Protein backbone atom coordinates (compact mmCIF):
# COMPACT_ATOMS: atom_id res chain seq x y z
CA MET A 1 117.04 52.77 102.85
CA ARG A 2 116.50 53.59 106.29
CA ARG A 3 117.87 50.76 108.91
CA TYR A 4 115.44 48.43 110.94
CA TYR A 5 116.20 46.27 113.94
CA PHE A 6 114.52 43.07 114.33
CA ASP A 7 114.39 42.31 117.67
CA LEU A 8 113.35 38.21 118.63
CA ARG A 9 110.75 37.44 121.44
CA ASP A 10 109.99 33.73 122.62
CA ASP A 11 109.45 31.98 125.81
CA ASN A 12 113.20 32.41 126.36
CA GLY A 13 113.51 36.02 127.07
CA LEU A 14 114.66 38.96 124.45
CA PHE A 15 117.40 38.67 121.59
CA VAL A 16 117.89 42.19 120.47
CA ASP A 17 119.51 43.16 117.33
CA ASP A 18 122.34 45.59 117.10
CA ASP A 19 123.35 44.94 113.54
CA GLY A 20 119.50 45.91 111.78
CA LEU A 21 119.01 45.40 107.98
CA GLU A 22 118.48 48.10 105.69
CA CYS A 23 115.18 48.15 104.07
CA ARG A 24 113.97 50.05 101.43
CA ASP A 25 110.42 49.99 102.13
CA MET A 26 107.68 48.66 105.34
CA GLN A 27 106.18 45.40 102.43
CA VAL A 28 109.90 44.68 103.09
CA VAL A 29 110.37 45.29 106.30
CA GLN A 30 106.79 42.74 106.68
CA MET A 31 108.58 40.15 104.66
CA GLU A 32 111.62 39.47 106.48
CA ALA A 33 109.85 39.92 110.35
CA ALA A 34 107.43 37.10 108.61
CA ARG A 35 110.05 34.82 107.71
CA SER A 36 112.65 35.80 110.76
CA LEU A 37 109.32 34.19 112.80
CA ALA A 38 108.39 31.03 110.72
CA ASP A 39 112.01 30.17 110.83
CA MET A 40 111.46 30.91 114.82
CA ALA A 41 108.67 28.82 114.79
CA ARG A 42 109.88 25.82 112.54
CA ASP A 43 112.91 25.35 114.58
CA ALA A 44 110.84 25.51 117.92
CA VAL A 45 108.43 22.95 116.61
CA HIS A 46 111.61 21.00 116.23
CA ALA A 47 113.02 21.81 119.47
CA ALA A 48 109.53 20.88 121.58
CA THR A 49 109.67 18.81 124.32
CA SER A 50 108.09 19.64 127.47
CA THR A 51 106.96 22.90 126.99
CA PRO A 52 103.22 22.14 124.34
CA SER A 53 102.88 25.95 123.50
CA HIS A 54 105.22 28.69 122.83
CA ALA A 55 104.51 32.05 122.17
CA MET A 56 107.21 34.04 119.83
CA SER A 57 107.28 37.46 118.58
CA ILE A 58 109.31 39.61 116.18
CA GLU A 59 109.48 43.13 117.59
CA VAL A 60 110.68 45.66 114.90
CA ARG A 61 112.12 49.27 115.11
CA ASP A 62 114.14 51.50 113.36
CA ASP A 63 116.48 54.84 114.99
CA ALA A 64 112.91 56.57 116.21
CA GLY A 65 111.40 53.72 117.80
CA PRO A 66 108.94 50.75 117.45
CA VAL A 67 107.18 50.27 113.79
CA LEU A 68 106.03 47.25 113.17
CA LEU A 69 104.93 44.06 116.00
CA VAL A 70 104.48 40.78 114.58
CA ARG A 71 103.41 37.87 116.78
CA PHE A 72 102.74 33.56 117.30
CA THR A 73 101.61 31.11 118.74
CA PHE A 74 101.01 27.70 118.99
CA GLU A 75 100.22 24.26 120.75
CA ILE A 76 101.30 21.13 120.21
CA SER A 77 98.98 18.44 121.52
CA LEU A 78 99.09 14.70 120.83
CA PRO A 79 95.81 13.09 120.08
CA LEU A 80 94.04 11.08 122.51
């Protein structure tokens, strides 16, 4: 199995994954990236205060370089 690194990027910057995760194929890599991004989005919604919009991504790489980028953007608005 290959080792993949799931670097997290949000409004606060880039958080580099130094440990990585061994995955058997790209389908598992995509599922792990989606799960991590969903967790980030949930946490951002709970912590949202003065910033109404948020952009975040998971940048997946292996030892050879980038292999996958998953982005998510959302906006919080109050009814008028």
